[in-house]
N, C-alpha and C. Protein backbone atom coordinates (compact mmCIF):
# COMPACT_ATOMS: atom_id res chain seq x y z
N MET A 1 0.82 -1.20 0.00
CA MET A 1 0.00 0.00 0.00
C MET A 1 0.87 1.26 0.00
N CYS A 2 1.99 1.21 0.69
CA CYS A 2 2.88 2.36 0.80
C CYS A 2 3.63 2.57 -0.52
N GLN A 3 3.56 3.77 -1.09
CA GLN A 3 4.20 4.03 -2.37
C GLN A 3 5.22 5.16 -2.29
N HIS A 4 5.63 5.56 -1.11
CA HIS A 4 6.62 6.62 -1.00
C HIS A 4 7.91 6.07 -0.39
N LEU A 5 8.97 6.87 -0.49
CA LEU A 5 10.27 6.46 0.04
C LEU A 5 10.70 7.42 1.12
N PRO A 6 11.27 6.98 2.20
CA PRO A 6 11.40 5.58 2.56
C PRO A 6 10.03 4.98 2.87
N ALA A 7 9.93 3.71 2.64
CA ALA A 7 8.65 3.02 2.84
C ALA A 7 8.28 2.97 4.33
N CYS A 8 7.01 3.03 4.60
CA CYS A 8 6.52 2.93 5.98
C CYS A 8 6.68 1.50 6.48
N PRO A 9 6.76 1.33 7.80
CA PRO A 9 6.84 -0.03 8.35
C PRO A 9 5.57 -0.80 8.01
N ARG A 10 5.73 -2.09 7.71
CA ARG A 10 4.58 -2.93 7.42
C ARG A 10 3.70 -3.07 8.65
N ALA A 11 2.45 -3.43 8.44
CA ALA A 11 1.48 -3.54 9.53
C ALA A 11 1.79 -4.68 10.49
N ASP A 12 2.61 -5.64 10.08
CA ASP A 12 2.93 -6.76 10.96
C ASP A 12 4.19 -6.52 11.80
N ARG A 13 4.76 -5.33 11.70
CA ARG A 13 5.96 -4.99 12.47
C ARG A 13 5.59 -4.22 13.74
N PRO A 14 6.42 -4.32 14.77
CA PRO A 14 6.13 -3.62 16.03
C PRO A 14 6.11 -2.09 15.89
N ASP A 15 6.83 -1.55 14.90
CA ASP A 15 6.88 -0.10 14.72
C ASP A 15 5.84 0.41 13.71
N ARG A 16 4.76 -0.37 13.51
CA ARG A 16 3.74 -0.06 12.51
C ARG A 16 3.09 1.31 12.70
N GLU A 17 3.04 1.83 13.93
CA GLU A 17 2.40 3.12 14.19
C GLU A 17 3.19 4.29 13.62
N ALA A 18 4.42 4.05 13.15
CA ALA A 18 5.24 5.10 12.56
C ALA A 18 4.85 5.39 11.10
N ALA A 19 3.92 4.60 10.55
CA ALA A 19 3.47 4.82 9.17
C ALA A 19 2.72 6.14 9.06
N ARG A 20 2.71 6.69 7.86
CA ARG A 20 2.02 7.96 7.61
C ARG A 20 0.50 7.78 7.66
N VAL A 21 -0.17 8.81 8.12
CA VAL A 21 -1.63 8.83 8.12
C VAL A 21 -2.11 9.19 6.72
N VAL A 22 -2.98 8.37 6.14
CA VAL A 22 -3.52 8.66 4.82
C VAL A 22 -4.97 9.15 4.88
N ALA A 23 -5.66 8.86 5.97
CA ALA A 23 -7.02 9.36 6.17
C ALA A 23 -7.24 9.50 7.67
N ALA A 24 -7.60 10.69 8.09
CA ALA A 24 -7.85 10.94 9.51
C ALA A 24 -9.31 11.31 9.72
N HIS A 25 -9.92 10.70 10.69
CA HIS A 25 -11.31 10.99 11.06
C HIS A 25 -11.38 11.16 12.57
N PRO A 26 -10.84 12.28 13.09
CA PRO A 26 -10.83 12.49 14.53
C PRO A 26 -12.22 12.57 15.14
N GLU A 27 -13.20 12.99 14.35
CA GLU A 27 -14.56 13.06 14.86
C GLU A 27 -15.12 11.67 15.12
N GLN A 28 -14.55 10.66 14.46
CA GLN A 28 -14.96 9.28 14.67
C GLN A 28 -13.95 8.50 15.50
N GLY A 29 -12.79 9.09 15.75
CA GLY A 29 -11.81 8.48 16.63
C GLY A 29 -10.85 7.50 15.99
N TRP A 30 -10.60 7.61 14.66
CA TRP A 30 -9.68 6.69 14.02
C TRP A 30 -8.93 7.35 12.89
N SER A 31 -7.81 6.72 12.54
CA SER A 31 -6.99 7.13 11.39
C SER A 31 -6.54 5.90 10.64
N LEU A 32 -6.49 6.00 9.31
CA LEU A 32 -5.97 4.93 8.47
C LEU A 32 -4.52 5.24 8.17
N LEU A 33 -3.65 4.28 8.45
CA LEU A 33 -2.23 4.45 8.20
C LEU A 33 -1.88 3.90 6.81
N CYS A 34 -0.77 4.35 6.28
CA CYS A 34 -0.31 3.97 4.95
C CYS A 34 -0.12 2.46 4.81
N ASN A 35 0.16 1.79 5.89
CA ASN A 35 0.37 0.34 5.84
C ASN A 35 -0.93 -0.46 5.96
N GLY A 36 -2.07 0.23 5.99
CA GLY A 36 -3.36 -0.44 6.02
C GLY A 36 -3.93 -0.65 7.41
N ALA A 37 -3.20 -0.27 8.44
CA ALA A 37 -3.68 -0.44 9.81
C ALA A 37 -4.61 0.72 10.19
N LEU A 38 -5.62 0.41 10.97
CA LEU A 38 -6.48 1.46 11.54
C LEU A 38 -5.99 1.72 12.96
N LEU A 39 -5.73 2.97 13.27
CA LEU A 39 -5.27 3.37 14.59
C LEU A 39 -6.40 4.16 15.25
N PHE A 40 -6.82 3.72 16.44
CA PHE A 40 -7.91 4.37 17.15
C PHE A 40 -7.38 5.31 18.21
N ASP A 41 -8.18 6.31 18.57
CA ASP A 41 -7.76 7.32 19.55
C ASP A 41 -7.39 6.72 20.90
N ASP A 42 -7.95 5.57 21.23
CA ASP A 42 -7.62 4.94 22.52
C ASP A 42 -6.34 4.13 22.44
N THR A 43 -5.62 4.21 21.32
CA THR A 43 -4.37 3.52 20.98
C THR A 43 -4.57 2.07 20.59
N GLY A 44 -5.79 1.61 20.46
CA GLY A 44 -6.04 0.28 19.92
C GLY A 44 -5.82 0.31 18.41
N GLU A 45 -5.68 -0.87 17.82
CA GLU A 45 -5.43 -0.96 16.38
C GLU A 45 -6.19 -2.13 15.79
N LEU A 46 -6.53 -1.99 14.52
CA LEU A 46 -7.10 -3.07 13.73
C LEU A 46 -6.17 -3.24 12.53
N LEU A 47 -5.56 -4.41 12.42
CA LEU A 47 -4.59 -4.66 11.36
C LEU A 47 -5.29 -5.17 10.11
N PRO A 48 -4.65 -5.02 8.95
CA PRO A 48 -5.29 -5.44 7.69
C PRO A 48 -5.70 -6.91 7.66
N ASP A 49 -5.01 -7.75 8.42
CA ASP A 49 -5.36 -9.18 8.42
C ASP A 49 -6.48 -9.51 9.41
N GLY A 50 -7.04 -8.48 10.06
CA GLY A 50 -8.16 -8.68 10.98
C GLY A 50 -7.77 -8.80 12.44
N ARG A 51 -6.47 -8.87 12.73
CA ARG A 51 -6.04 -8.94 14.13
C ARG A 51 -6.34 -7.63 14.83
N VAL A 52 -6.66 -7.75 16.11
CA VAL A 52 -6.95 -6.59 16.95
C VAL A 52 -5.81 -6.43 17.94
N ILE A 53 -5.29 -5.21 18.06
CA ILE A 53 -4.27 -4.88 19.05
C ILE A 53 -4.97 -4.05 20.12
N ALA A 54 -4.94 -4.54 21.34
CA ALA A 54 -5.61 -3.86 22.45
C ALA A 54 -4.98 -2.50 22.70
N PRO A 55 -5.75 -1.55 23.23
CA PRO A 55 -5.18 -0.24 23.58
C PRO A 55 -3.96 -0.42 24.47
N HIS A 56 -2.96 0.41 24.25
CA HIS A 56 -1.71 0.29 24.99
C HIS A 56 -1.16 1.64 25.41
N ARG A 57 -2.02 2.41 26.04
CA ARG A 57 -1.58 3.70 26.56
C ARG A 57 -0.58 3.47 27.67
N PRO A 58 0.41 4.35 27.79
CA PRO A 58 1.37 4.19 28.89
C PRO A 58 0.68 4.43 30.23
N LEU A 59 1.13 3.72 31.23
CA LEU A 59 0.58 3.88 32.56
C LEU A 59 0.94 5.26 33.10
N ALA A 60 0.05 5.84 33.85
CA ALA A 60 0.32 7.15 34.44
C ALA A 60 1.46 7.02 35.46
N ALA A 61 2.31 8.03 35.48
CA ALA A 61 3.42 8.02 36.42
C ALA A 61 2.90 8.19 37.84
N THR A 62 3.44 7.43 38.74
CA THR A 62 3.02 7.55 40.13
C THR A 62 3.98 8.46 40.86
N ALA A 63 3.45 9.30 41.70
CA ALA A 63 4.29 10.27 42.41
C ALA A 63 4.79 9.72 43.72
């Protein structure tokens, strides 16, 4: 899907969130990345092969 250089990380790689946004819908809470992954505002993901990645927000720092 990615047609620019350098190419974005594939959707099956751990660094997949570094791909460029090709369609953003903040009013609906999601963005489509160049590698075909859907990234949701809660940090969850839906990969092109149908796998779901649970939200993975960093834990709040404890004082």
